[in-house]
Amino acid sequence: MKQEVVNLQNKKVGDIELPASIFKQPIRVDILSRVVEWQLAKRRSGAHKTKEIAEISGTTKKMYRQKGTGGARHGSKRAPQFRGGAVIFGPVVRSHAYSLPKKVRQLGLKSVLSSKLESGDIIVVDSFEINKPKTKDLKAILAKFGTENMLLIDVDTNRLTNTALAAGNVMGFDVLPQIGANVYDILRKEKLILTVDAVKALEARLK
């Protein structure tokens, strides 16, 4: 299937063949949901924690004598029933990440790329490097594409130095290398810009 290739002026400069095995797959909402949940789980810091009794600072002296008070017997003021005491079975520092089969991850990426192409939200450019790292220049280019809410994927962001620097001041415009292309970041953007080299790299990666 053919897709037109444009330049930074949004003028057609040629065509590229998009592989149907990547850009013409059934849109699996269930797979997209699984991959997004997996990505967000990996992002969680897991730093939430409560103190156990051994971590509470305080005296170890017995509160009062064992018998004769008419009250319950207690040996430590750090026990959970007292104010400032420990928390029993509270959260501990842990990772929320879990494994997801590689085939499911690849299917999710193919599905989101197919979804973007079906809705007409994929733009293929020959190159996206600008001459100077100027936010004004980048905004002028994005205006020709109709929105700033875009994700740009190139084969390697090291060759997009000026574009990446200028993008730091444009809310809604992000730049990723091809190896970092993922379902969550593609879904949350209105349009997806792929360079010709990125398309070839994705084809090699997902074949």
N, C-alpha and C. Protein backbone atom coordinates (compact mmCIF):
# COMPACT_ATOMS: atom_id res chain seq x y z
N MET A 1 0.84 -1.19 0.00
CA MET A 1 0.00 0.00 0.00
C MET A 1 0.87 1.24 0.00
N LYS A 2 0.51 2.20 -0.85
CA LYS A 2 1.33 3.39 -1.01
C LYS A 2 0.88 4.51 -0.09
N GLN A 3 1.88 5.26 0.38
CA GLN A 3 1.63 6.45 1.19
C GLN A 3 2.53 7.56 0.65
N GLU A 4 1.98 8.74 0.51
CA GLU A 4 2.78 9.83 -0.02
C GLU A 4 3.80 10.31 0.99
N VAL A 5 4.94 10.74 0.49
CA VAL A 5 6.01 11.30 1.31
C VAL A 5 6.03 12.81 1.08
N VAL A 6 6.08 13.56 2.18
CA VAL A 6 6.06 15.02 2.07
C VAL A 6 7.34 15.59 2.67
N ASN A 7 7.58 16.88 2.38
CA ASN A 7 8.71 17.57 2.99
C ASN A 7 8.21 18.44 4.15
N LEU A 8 9.07 19.28 4.68
CA LEU A 8 8.69 20.11 5.83
C LEU A 8 7.70 21.21 5.46
N GLN A 9 7.49 21.42 4.18
CA GLN A 9 6.47 22.38 3.73
C GLN A 9 5.13 21.69 3.47
N ASN A 10 5.07 20.41 3.84
CA ASN A 10 3.88 19.58 3.61
C ASN A 10 3.54 19.48 2.13
N LYS A 11 4.58 19.45 1.30
CA LYS A 11 4.42 19.28 -0.14
C LYS A 11 4.88 17.87 -0.52
N LYS A 12 4.13 17.22 -1.39
CA LYS A 12 4.46 15.85 -1.79
C LYS A 12 5.77 15.82 -2.57
N VAL A 13 6.64 14.89 -2.17
CA VAL A 13 7.92 14.73 -2.87
C VAL A 13 8.12 13.31 -3.39
N GLY A 14 7.15 12.43 -3.14
CA GLY A 14 7.28 11.05 -3.60
C GLY A 14 6.29 10.13 -2.91
N ASP A 15 6.52 8.83 -3.05
CA ASP A 15 5.67 7.81 -2.43
C ASP A 15 6.54 6.77 -1.76
N ILE A 16 5.94 6.08 -0.79
CA ILE A 16 6.62 4.97 -0.13
C ILE A 16 5.64 3.83 0.04
N GLU A 17 6.15 2.62 -0.05
CA GLU A 17 5.32 1.44 0.12
C GLU A 17 5.30 1.05 1.59
N LEU A 18 4.12 1.11 2.22
CA LEU A 18 3.99 0.71 3.62
C LEU A 18 3.60 -0.76 3.66
N PRO A 19 4.35 -1.57 4.39
CA PRO A 19 4.05 -3.01 4.43
C PRO A 19 2.71 -3.29 5.11
N ALA A 20 1.87 -4.07 4.43
CA ALA A 20 0.54 -4.40 4.96
C ALA A 20 0.65 -5.23 6.24
N SER A 21 1.76 -5.93 6.41
CA SER A 21 1.94 -6.77 7.60
C SER A 21 2.09 -5.93 8.86
N ILE A 22 2.33 -4.64 8.72
CA ILE A 22 2.50 -3.75 9.86
C ILE A 22 1.39 -2.69 9.92
N PHE A 23 1.07 -2.11 8.78
CA PHE A 23 0.16 -0.97 8.75
C PHE A 23 -1.26 -1.32 8.30
N LYS A 24 -1.53 -2.60 8.07
CA LYS A 24 -2.87 -3.01 7.64
C LYS A 24 -3.34 -4.21 8.45
N GLN A 25 -3.13 -4.13 9.75
CA GLN A 25 -3.53 -5.22 10.64
C GLN A 25 -4.87 -4.90 11.30
N PRO A 26 -5.61 -5.93 11.75
CA PRO A 26 -6.85 -5.67 12.49
C PRO A 26 -6.56 -4.86 13.76
N ILE A 27 -7.44 -3.93 14.07
CA ILE A 27 -7.24 -3.08 15.25
C ILE A 27 -7.77 -3.82 16.48
N ARG A 28 -6.85 -4.34 17.28
CA ARG A 28 -7.21 -5.13 18.46
C ARG A 28 -7.22 -4.24 19.70
N VAL A 29 -8.41 -3.81 20.08
CA VAL A 29 -8.54 -2.94 21.25
C VAL A 29 -8.09 -3.67 22.51
N ASP A 30 -8.35 -4.97 22.58
CA ASP A 30 -7.95 -5.74 23.76
C ASP A 30 -6.43 -5.79 23.90
N ILE A 31 -5.75 -5.94 22.77
CA ILE A 31 -4.28 -5.98 22.79
C ILE A 31 -3.73 -4.61 23.16
N LEU A 32 -4.31 -3.56 22.59
CA LEU A 32 -3.86 -2.19 22.92
C LEU A 32 -4.01 -1.93 24.42
N SER A 33 -5.12 -2.37 24.98
CA SER A 33 -5.35 -2.18 26.42
C SER A 33 -4.31 -2.92 27.25
N ARG A 34 -4.00 -4.15 26.86
CA ARG A 34 -3.00 -4.94 27.60
C ARG A 34 -1.63 -4.28 27.56
N VAL A 35 -1.25 -3.78 26.38
CA VAL A 35 0.08 -3.18 26.24
C VAL A 35 0.17 -1.87 27.01
N VAL A 36 -0.88 -1.06 26.96
CA VAL A 36 -0.87 0.21 27.70
C VAL A 36 -0.80 -0.04 29.20
N GLU A 37 -1.57 -0.98 29.70
CA GLU A 37 -1.53 -1.31 31.13
C GLU A 37 -0.14 -1.80 31.53
N TRP A 38 0.48 -2.59 30.68
CA TRP A 38 1.84 -3.08 30.94
C TRP A 38 2.83 -1.93 30.99
N GLN A 39 2.72 -0.99 30.04
CA GLN A 39 3.63 0.15 30.04
C GLN A 39 3.46 1.03 31.28
N LEU A 40 2.22 1.30 31.64
CA LEU A 40 1.98 2.17 32.80
C LEU A 40 2.39 1.48 34.10
N ALA A 41 2.26 0.16 34.16
CA ALA A 41 2.70 -0.57 35.35
C ALA A 41 4.21 -0.46 35.53
N LYS A 42 4.95 -0.50 34.40
CA LYS A 42 6.41 -0.37 34.48
C LYS A 42 6.82 1.03 34.93
N ARG A 43 6.00 2.03 34.65
CA ARG A 43 6.34 3.41 35.01
C ARG A 43 6.14 3.69 36.50
N ARG A 44 5.32 2.92 37.17
CA ARG A 44 5.03 3.18 38.58
C ARG A 44 6.30 3.06 39.42
N SER A 45 6.48 4.01 40.30
CA SER A 45 7.72 4.03 41.08
C SER A 45 7.75 2.92 42.13
N GLY A 46 6.60 2.57 42.68
CA GLY A 46 6.57 1.53 43.72
C GLY A 46 7.27 1.95 44.99
N ALA A 47 7.38 3.26 45.24
CA ALA A 47 8.12 3.75 46.40
C ALA A 47 7.23 3.93 47.63
N HIS A 48 5.96 3.61 47.52
CA HIS A 48 5.05 3.76 48.67
C HIS A 48 5.41 2.73 49.75
N LYS A 49 5.43 3.18 50.99
CA LYS A 49 5.87 2.29 52.07
C LYS A 49 5.38 2.78 53.42
N THR A 50 5.06 1.85 54.30
CA THR A 50 4.77 2.18 55.71
C THR A 50 5.80 1.50 56.59
N LYS A 51 5.96 2.02 57.79
CA LYS A 51 6.97 1.46 58.69
C LYS A 51 6.45 0.25 59.44
N GLU A 52 7.30 -0.76 59.49
CA GLU A 52 6.99 -1.92 60.31
C GLU A 52 7.48 -1.65 61.73
N ILE A 53 7.14 -2.53 62.65
CA ILE A 53 7.42 -2.27 64.06
C ILE A 53 8.92 -2.14 64.34
N ALA A 54 9.74 -2.86 63.59
CA ALA A 54 11.18 -2.79 63.80
C ALA A 54 11.76 -1.46 63.33
N GLU A 55 11.01 -0.71 62.51
CA GLU A 55 11.51 0.54 61.96
C GLU A 55 11.01 1.77 62.72
N ILE A 56 10.11 1.56 63.67
CA ILE A 56 9.57 2.68 64.46
C ILE A 56 10.57 3.07 65.53
N SER A 57 10.86 4.37 65.63
CA SER A 57 11.75 4.82 66.69
C SER A 57 10.96 4.99 67.99
N GLY A 58 11.57 4.62 69.09
CA GLY A 58 10.89 4.71 70.38
C GLY A 58 11.53 3.77 71.38
N THR A 59 11.16 3.96 72.61
CA THR A 59 11.74 3.15 73.67
C THR A 59 11.25 1.71 73.60
N THR A 60 12.06 0.83 74.10
CA THR A 60 11.67 -0.58 74.18
C THR A 60 11.24 -0.94 75.60
N LYS A 61 11.17 0.09 76.43
CA LYS A 61 10.77 -0.15 77.82
C LYS A 61 9.31 -0.59 77.88
N LYS A 62 9.03 -1.55 78.77
CA LYS A 62 7.65 -2.01 78.96
C LYS A 62 6.81 -0.85 79.49
N MET A 63 5.62 -0.68 78.95
CA MET A 63 4.80 0.49 79.24
C MET A 63 4.38 0.56 80.71
N TYR A 64 3.95 -0.56 81.23
CA TYR A 64 3.58 -0.65 82.65
C TYR A 64 3.63 -2.11 83.06
N ARG A 65 3.42 -2.35 84.33
CA ARG A 65 3.59 -3.72 84.81
C ARG A 65 2.59 -4.67 84.18
N GLN A 66 2.99 -5.92 84.17
CA GLN A 66 2.21 -6.94 83.47
C GLN A 66 0.84 -7.15 84.08
N LYS A 67 0.77 -7.16 85.41
CA LYS A 67 -0.49 -7.50 86.08
C LYS A 67 -0.93 -6.39 87.03
N GLY A 68 -2.18 -6.42 87.33
CA GLY A 68 -2.69 -5.54 88.37
C GLY A 68 -3.22 -4.20 87.89
N THR A 69 -3.16 -3.91 86.61
CA THR A 69 -3.64 -2.60 86.14
C THR A 69 -5.10 -2.64 85.72
N GLY A 70 -5.65 -3.82 85.51
CA GLY A 70 -7.02 -3.93 85.04
C GLY A 70 -7.14 -3.71 83.53
N GLY A 71 -6.01 -3.49 82.87
CA GLY A 71 -6.03 -3.28 81.43
C GLY A 71 -5.31 -4.39 80.70
N ALA A 72 -5.28 -4.27 79.39
CA ALA A 72 -4.60 -5.28 78.59
C ALA A 72 -3.10 -5.24 78.84
N ARG A 73 -2.46 -6.34 78.55
CA ARG A 73 -1.02 -6.44 78.74
C ARG A 73 -0.29 -5.96 77.49
N HIS A 74 0.63 -5.02 77.63
CA HIS A 74 1.38 -4.48 76.49
C HIS A 74 2.86 -4.48 76.80
N GLY A 75 3.64 -4.75 75.77
CA GLY A 75 5.08 -4.76 75.96
C GLY A 75 5.80 -3.67 75.20
N SER A 76 5.12 -3.00 74.26
CA SER A 76 5.79 -1.99 73.44
C SER A 76 4.80 -0.92 73.02
N LYS A 77 5.25 0.31 73.06
CA LYS A 77 4.41 1.43 72.62
C LYS A 77 4.43 1.56 71.10
N ARG A 78 5.29 0.77 70.45
CA ARG A 78 5.39 0.83 68.99
C ARG A 78 4.41 -0.12 68.31
N ALA A 79 3.58 -0.79 69.09
CA ALA A 79 2.61 -1.73 68.53
C ALA A 79 1.56 -0.99 67.69
N PRO A 80 0.96 -1.66 66.74
CA PRO A 80 0.06 -0.99 65.80
C PRO A 80 -1.19 -0.38 66.41
N GLN A 81 -1.62 -0.84 67.58
CA GLN A 81 -2.84 -0.29 68.16
C GLN A 81 -2.64 1.07 68.83
N PHE A 82 -1.38 1.51 68.92
CA PHE A 82 -1.10 2.81 69.55
C PHE A 82 -0.82 3.88 68.50
N ARG A 83 -1.15 5.11 68.85
CA ARG A 83 -0.88 6.24 67.96
C ARG A 83 0.63 6.35 67.71
N GLY A 84 1.02 6.47 66.44
CA GLY A 84 2.43 6.53 66.10
C GLY A 84 3.09 5.18 65.99
N GLY A 85 2.30 4.11 66.15
CA GLY A 85 2.85 2.77 66.08
C GLY A 85 2.98 2.28 64.65
N ALA A 86 3.32 1.01 64.53
CA ALA A 86 3.57 0.41 63.22
C ALA A 86 2.27 0.21 62.45
N VAL A 87 2.41 -0.08 61.16
CA VAL A 87 1.28 -0.44 60.31
C VAL A 87 1.45 -1.90 59.91
N ILE A 88 0.41 -2.67 60.15
CA ILE A 88 0.48 -4.10 59.85
C ILE A 88 0.02 -4.36 58.42
N PHE A 89 0.80 -5.12 57.68
CA PHE A 89 0.50 -5.49 56.30
C PHE A 89 0.35 -4.26 55.40
N GLY A 90 1.11 -3.21 55.67
CA GLY A 90 1.08 -2.01 54.83
C GLY A 90 1.88 -2.20 53.56
N PRO A 91 1.81 -1.24 52.64
CA PRO A 91 2.57 -1.36 51.39
C PRO A 91 4.07 -1.30 51.62
N VAL A 92 4.82 -1.96 50.79
CA VAL A 92 6.28 -1.96 50.88
C VAL A 92 6.84 -1.57 49.51
N VAL A 93 8.09 -1.14 49.48
CA VAL A 93 8.73 -0.77 48.23
C VAL A 93 8.83 -2.01 47.33
N ARG A 94 8.30 -1.87 46.11
CA ARG A 94 8.33 -3.01 45.19
C ARG A 94 8.17 -2.50 43.77
N SER A 95 8.46 -3.35 42.83
CA SER A 95 8.26 -3.03 41.42
C SER A 95 6.88 -3.53 40.99
N HIS A 96 6.17 -2.70 40.23
CA HIS A 96 4.86 -3.09 39.71
C HIS A 96 4.96 -3.71 38.31
N ALA A 97 6.18 -3.79 37.79
CA ALA A 97 6.37 -4.31 36.43
C ALA A 97 6.09 -5.80 36.38
N TYR A 98 5.61 -6.22 35.23
CA TYR A 98 5.41 -7.65 34.98
C TYR A 98 5.75 -7.90 33.50
N SER A 99 5.91 -9.15 33.17
CA SER A 99 6.34 -9.48 31.80
C SER A 99 5.13 -9.59 30.88
N LEU A 100 5.36 -9.23 29.63
CA LEU A 100 4.34 -9.36 28.59
C LEU A 100 5.03 -10.00 27.39
N PRO A 101 4.44 -11.03 26.79
CA PRO A 101 5.09 -11.71 25.67
C PRO A 101 5.46 -10.75 24.54
N LYS A 102 6.60 -10.99 23.94
CA LYS A 102 7.08 -10.13 22.86
C LYS A 102 6.09 -10.08 21.70
N LYS A 103 5.45 -11.19 21.40
CA LYS A 103 4.49 -11.22 20.30
C LYS A 103 3.30 -10.31 20.58
N VAL A 104 2.88 -10.23 21.84
CA VAL A 104 1.77 -9.35 22.20
C VAL A 104 2.19 -7.89 22.06
N ARG A 105 3.42 -7.57 22.48
CA ARG A 105 3.92 -6.20 22.37
C ARG A 105 4.02 -5.78 20.90
N GLN A 106 4.52 -6.68 20.07
CA GLN A 106 4.63 -6.36 18.64
C GLN A 106 3.26 -6.22 17.99
N LEU A 107 2.33 -7.08 18.38
CA LEU A 107 0.98 -7.00 17.84
C LEU A 107 0.31 -5.68 18.24
N GLY A 108 0.59 -5.23 19.47
CA GLY A 108 0.04 -3.96 19.92
C GLY A 108 0.58 -2.80 19.10
N LEU A 109 1.88 -2.82 18.79
CA LEU A 109 2.48 -1.75 17.99
C LEU A 109 1.93 -1.76 16.56
N LYS A 110 1.78 -2.95 16.00
CA LYS A 110 1.20 -3.05 14.65
C LYS A 110 -0.24 -2.55 14.64
N SER A 111 -0.97 -2.88 15.69
CA SER A 111 -2.37 -2.48 15.76
C SER A 111 -2.53 -0.97 15.87
N VAL A 112 -1.68 -0.32 16.68
CA VAL A 112 -1.79 1.13 16.83
C VAL A 112 -1.33 1.85 15.57
N LEU A 113 -0.33 1.32 14.88
CA LEU A 113 0.10 1.91 13.61
C LEU A 113 -0.99 1.77 12.55
N SER A 114 -1.65 0.62 12.53
CA SER A 114 -2.74 0.41 11.59
C SER A 114 -3.90 1.34 11.89
N SER A 115 -4.16 1.56 13.17
CA SER A 115 -5.24 2.46 13.58
C SER A 115 -4.98 3.89 13.13
N LYS A 116 -3.73 4.34 13.31
CA LYS A 116 -3.37 5.70 12.91
C LYS A 116 -3.46 5.87 11.39
N LEU A 117 -3.04 4.84 10.65
CA LEU A 117 -3.11 4.94 9.20
C LEU A 117 -4.56 4.94 8.72
N GLU A 118 -5.38 4.12 9.35
CA GLU A 118 -6.79 4.04 8.96
C GLU A 118 -7.51 5.37 9.18
N SER A 119 -7.14 6.07 10.25
CA SER A 119 -7.78 7.35 10.55
C SER A 119 -7.12 8.53 9.81
N GLY A 120 -6.08 8.23 9.00
CA GLY A 120 -5.41 9.27 8.24
C GLY A 120 -4.51 10.16 9.07
N ASP A 121 -4.02 9.63 10.19
CA ASP A 121 -3.21 10.44 11.11
C ASP A 121 -1.73 10.10 11.06
N ILE A 122 -1.29 9.41 10.01
CA ILE A 122 0.14 9.15 9.81
C ILE A 122 0.65 10.03 8.69
N ILE A 123 1.77 10.71 8.97
CA ILE A 123 2.43 11.55 7.97
C ILE A 123 3.84 11.01 7.78
N VAL A 124 4.22 10.74 6.55
CA VAL A 124 5.58 10.27 6.26
C VAL A 124 6.35 11.43 5.63
N VAL A 125 7.49 11.77 6.22
CA VAL A 125 8.33 12.86 5.72
C VAL A 125 9.68 12.31 5.28
N ASP A 126 10.31 13.02 4.35
CA ASP A 126 11.62 12.57 3.91
C ASP A 126 12.67 12.82 4.99
N SER A 127 12.55 13.94 5.70
CA SER A 127 13.45 14.27 6.81
C SER A 127 12.79 15.35 7.65
N PHE A 128 13.16 15.40 8.94
CA PHE A 128 12.53 16.41 9.80
C PHE A 128 13.57 17.22 10.57
N GLU A 129 14.78 17.28 10.10
CA GLU A 129 15.79 18.09 10.78
C GLU A 129 15.70 19.54 10.30
N ILE A 130 15.64 20.48 11.26
CA ILE A 130 15.58 21.90 10.91
C ILE A 130 16.98 22.50 11.00
N ASN A 131 17.16 23.65 10.37
CA ASN A 131 18.50 24.25 10.28
C ASN A 131 19.00 24.79 11.60
N LYS A 132 18.09 25.37 12.40
CA LYS A 132 18.47 25.96 13.67
C LYS A 132 17.54 25.46 14.78
N PRO A 133 18.06 25.35 16.01
CA PRO A 133 17.20 24.89 17.11
C PRO A 133 16.29 26.00 17.63
N LYS A 134 15.46 26.52 16.76
CA LYS A 134 14.57 27.63 17.09
C LYS A 134 13.13 27.13 17.22
N THR A 135 12.51 27.43 18.35
CA THR A 135 11.13 27.02 18.57
C THR A 135 10.20 27.67 17.56
N LYS A 136 10.47 28.92 17.22
CA LYS A 136 9.63 29.64 16.25
C LYS A 136 9.65 28.93 14.90
N ASP A 137 10.83 28.46 14.47
CA ASP A 137 10.92 27.77 13.18
C ASP A 137 10.15 26.46 13.21
N LEU A 138 10.27 25.73 14.33
CA LEU A 138 9.56 24.46 14.44
C LEU A 138 8.05 24.67 14.46
N LYS A 139 7.59 25.69 15.16
CA LYS A 139 6.15 25.96 15.22
C LYS A 139 5.61 26.33 13.84
N ALA A 140 6.40 27.05 13.07
CA ALA A 140 5.97 27.42 11.72
C ALA A 140 5.80 26.18 10.85
N ILE A 141 6.69 25.19 11.03
CA ILE A 141 6.59 23.94 10.27
C ILE A 141 5.36 23.15 10.71
N LEU A 142 5.15 23.06 12.04
CA LEU A 142 4.01 22.28 12.54
C LEU A 142 2.69 22.90 12.12
N ALA A 143 2.66 24.21 11.97
CA ALA A 143 1.44 24.88 11.54
C ALA A 143 1.01 24.40 10.15
N LYS A 144 1.97 24.02 9.33
CA LYS A 144 1.65 23.53 7.98
C LYS A 144 1.00 22.15 8.03
N PHE A 145 1.20 21.44 9.16
CA PHE A 145 0.58 20.12 9.31
C PHE A 145 -0.72 20.19 10.11
N GLY A 146 -1.07 21.37 10.58
CA GLY A 146 -2.39 21.57 11.19
C GLY A 146 -2.49 21.38 12.69
N THR A 147 -1.43 20.88 13.34
CA THR A 147 -1.49 20.67 14.79
C THR A 147 -0.08 20.57 15.37
N GLU A 148 0.03 20.86 16.66
CA GLU A 148 1.29 20.66 17.37
C GLU A 148 1.26 19.39 18.21
N ASN A 149 0.09 18.77 18.28
CA ASN A 149 -0.07 17.56 19.09
C ASN A 149 0.39 16.35 18.25
N MET A 150 1.71 16.21 18.16
CA MET A 150 2.29 15.19 17.28
C MET A 150 3.42 14.42 17.97
N LEU A 151 3.65 13.23 17.46
CA LEU A 151 4.82 12.45 17.85
C LEU A 151 5.65 12.20 16.61
N LEU A 152 6.91 12.60 16.67
CA LEU A 152 7.84 12.38 15.56
C LEU A 152 8.74 11.19 15.88
N ILE A 153 8.78 10.24 14.98
CA ILE A 153 9.65 9.06 15.15
C ILE A 153 10.64 9.02 14.00
N ASP A 154 11.93 9.03 14.35
CA ASP A 154 12.99 8.90 13.36
C ASP A 154 13.81 7.68 13.71
N VAL A 155 14.65 7.25 12.79
CA VAL A 155 15.45 6.05 13.04
C VAL A 155 16.42 6.28 14.19
N ASP A 156 16.90 7.52 14.36
CA ASP A 156 17.83 7.84 15.43
C ASP A 156 17.70 9.33 15.75
N THR A 157 17.36 9.66 16.99
CA THR A 157 17.14 11.06 17.35
C THR A 157 18.45 11.85 17.42
N ASN A 158 19.60 11.19 17.39
CA ASN A 158 20.88 11.91 17.42
C ASN A 158 21.07 12.78 16.18
N ARG A 159 20.41 12.41 15.10
CA ARG A 159 20.54 13.22 13.89
C ARG A 159 19.45 14.29 13.81
N LEU A 160 18.63 14.38 14.85
CA LEU A 160 17.59 15.42 14.94
C LEU A 160 17.91 16.38 16.07
N THR A 161 19.17 16.76 16.19
CA THR A 161 19.61 17.59 17.30
C THR A 161 18.83 18.90 17.39
N ASN A 162 18.77 19.63 16.30
CA ASN A 162 18.08 20.92 16.30
C ASN A 162 16.58 20.76 16.56
N THR A 163 15.98 19.76 15.95
CA THR A 163 14.55 19.52 16.14
C THR A 163 14.24 19.16 17.58
N ALA A 164 15.07 18.28 18.17
CA ALA A 164 14.84 17.85 19.55
C ALA A 164 14.99 19.02 20.53
N LEU A 165 15.97 19.89 20.29
CA LEU A 165 16.16 21.05 21.15
C LEU A 165 14.99 22.01 21.04
N ALA A 166 14.54 22.27 19.83
CA ALA A 166 13.40 23.17 19.63
C ALA A 166 12.11 22.59 20.20
N ALA A 167 11.98 21.27 20.16
CA ALA A 167 10.75 20.61 20.63
C ALA A 167 10.57 20.73 22.14
N GLY A 168 11.64 21.03 22.86
CA GLY A 168 11.54 21.15 24.30
C GLY A 168 10.62 22.25 24.76
N ASN A 169 10.38 23.24 23.89
CA ASN A 169 9.50 24.35 24.23
C ASN A 169 8.15 24.30 23.54
N VAL A 170 7.86 23.21 22.86
CA VAL A 170 6.59 23.07 22.17
C VAL A 170 5.75 22.02 22.90
N MET A 171 4.72 22.48 23.60
CA MET A 171 3.87 21.55 24.35
C MET A 171 3.06 20.69 23.38
N GLY A 172 3.16 19.41 23.55
CA GLY A 172 2.39 18.49 22.71
C GLY A 172 3.19 17.84 21.61
N PHE A 173 4.41 18.34 21.34
CA PHE A 173 5.24 17.76 20.28
C PHE A 173 6.39 17.00 20.92
N ASP A 174 6.48 15.71 20.61
CA ASP A 174 7.53 14.86 21.17
C ASP A 174 8.33 14.18 20.06
N VAL A 175 9.56 13.81 20.40
CA VAL A 175 10.46 13.15 19.45
C VAL A 175 10.95 11.85 20.07
N LEU A 176 10.88 10.76 19.31
CA LEU A 176 11.35 9.46 19.79
C LEU A 176 12.19 8.78 18.72
N PRO A 177 13.19 7.97 19.13
CA PRO A 177 13.87 7.12 18.15
C PRO A 177 12.98 5.93 17.80
N GLN A 178 13.24 5.32 16.67
CA GLN A 178 12.42 4.20 16.22
C GLN A 178 12.37 3.08 17.24
N ILE A 179 13.50 2.83 17.91
CA ILE A 179 13.56 1.74 18.88
C ILE A 179 12.67 2.03 20.10
N GLY A 180 12.33 3.30 20.30
CA GLY A 180 11.49 3.68 21.44
C GLY A 180 10.03 3.83 21.08
N ALA A 181 9.66 3.52 19.84
CA ALA A 181 8.25 3.63 19.43
C ALA A 181 7.40 2.69 20.28
N ASN A 182 6.33 3.21 20.86
CA ASN A 182 5.51 2.40 21.75
C ASN A 182 4.04 2.78 21.63
N VAL A 183 3.18 1.90 22.07
CA VAL A 183 1.74 2.06 21.92
C VAL A 183 1.22 3.27 22.68
N TYR A 184 1.63 3.44 23.91
CA TYR A 184 1.08 4.51 24.75
C TYR A 184 1.37 5.89 24.17
N ASP A 185 2.61 6.15 23.80
CA ASP A 185 2.97 7.47 23.28
C ASP A 185 2.32 7.76 21.93
N ILE A 186 2.13 6.74 21.12
CA ILE A 186 1.47 6.93 19.83
C ILE A 186 -0.02 7.23 20.03
N LEU A 187 -0.66 6.51 20.94
CA LEU A 187 -2.09 6.70 21.17
C LEU A 187 -2.42 8.09 21.72
N ARG A 188 -1.55 8.64 22.55
CA ARG A 188 -1.88 9.90 23.20
C ARG A 188 -1.64 11.13 22.33
N LYS A 189 -1.16 10.92 21.11
CA LYS A 189 -0.93 12.03 20.19
C LYS A 189 -1.95 12.01 19.06
N GLU A 190 -2.28 13.21 18.60
CA GLU A 190 -3.27 13.33 17.52
C GLU A 190 -2.73 12.80 16.20
N LYS A 191 -1.48 13.13 15.88
CA LYS A 191 -0.89 12.67 14.62
C LYS A 191 0.48 12.04 14.88
N LEU A 192 0.86 11.15 13.98
CA LEU A 192 2.16 10.47 14.05
C LEU A 192 2.95 10.81 12.80
N ILE A 193 4.17 11.34 12.99
CA ILE A 193 5.06 11.64 11.88
C ILE A 193 6.18 10.60 11.85
N LEU A 194 6.34 9.96 10.72
CA LEU A 194 7.41 8.98 10.53
C LEU A 194 8.32 9.46 9.42
N THR A 195 9.62 9.38 9.64
CA THR A 195 10.54 9.63 8.54
C THR A 195 10.63 8.37 7.68
N VAL A 196 11.12 8.53 6.46
CA VAL A 196 11.26 7.38 5.55
C VAL A 196 12.16 6.31 6.18
N ASP A 197 13.24 6.76 6.81
CA ASP A 197 14.17 5.80 7.44
C ASP A 197 13.51 5.09 8.61
N ALA A 198 12.63 5.79 9.34
CA ALA A 198 11.93 5.17 10.47
C ALA A 198 10.98 4.08 9.99
N VAL A 199 10.32 4.30 8.87
CA VAL A 199 9.42 3.29 8.30
C VAL A 199 10.21 2.03 7.96
N LYS A 200 11.37 2.20 7.35
CA LYS A 200 12.21 1.05 6.98
C LYS A 200 12.71 0.32 8.23
N ALA A 201 13.06 1.09 9.25
CA ALA A 201 13.53 0.47 10.50
C ALA A 201 12.41 -0.29 11.20
N LEU A 202 11.20 0.28 11.20
CA LEU A 202 10.06 -0.41 11.80
C LEU A 202 9.73 -1.69 11.05
N GLU A 203 9.87 -1.66 9.73
CA GLU A 203 9.62 -2.86 8.93
C GLU A 203 10.60 -3.96 9.29
N ALA A 204 11.87 -3.58 9.48
CA ALA A 204 12.88 -4.58 9.86
C ALA A 204 12.66 -5.09 11.27
N ARG A 205 12.18 -4.22 12.14
CA ARG A 205 11.97 -4.58 13.55
C ARG A 205 10.75 -5.48 13.73
N LEU A 206 9.68 -5.26 12.96
CA LEU A 206 8.42 -5.93 13.20
C LEU A 206 8.10 -7.02 12.18
N LYS A 207 9.04 -7.32 11.30
CA LYS A 207 8.75 -8.31 10.26
C LYS A 207 8.57 -9.71 10.84
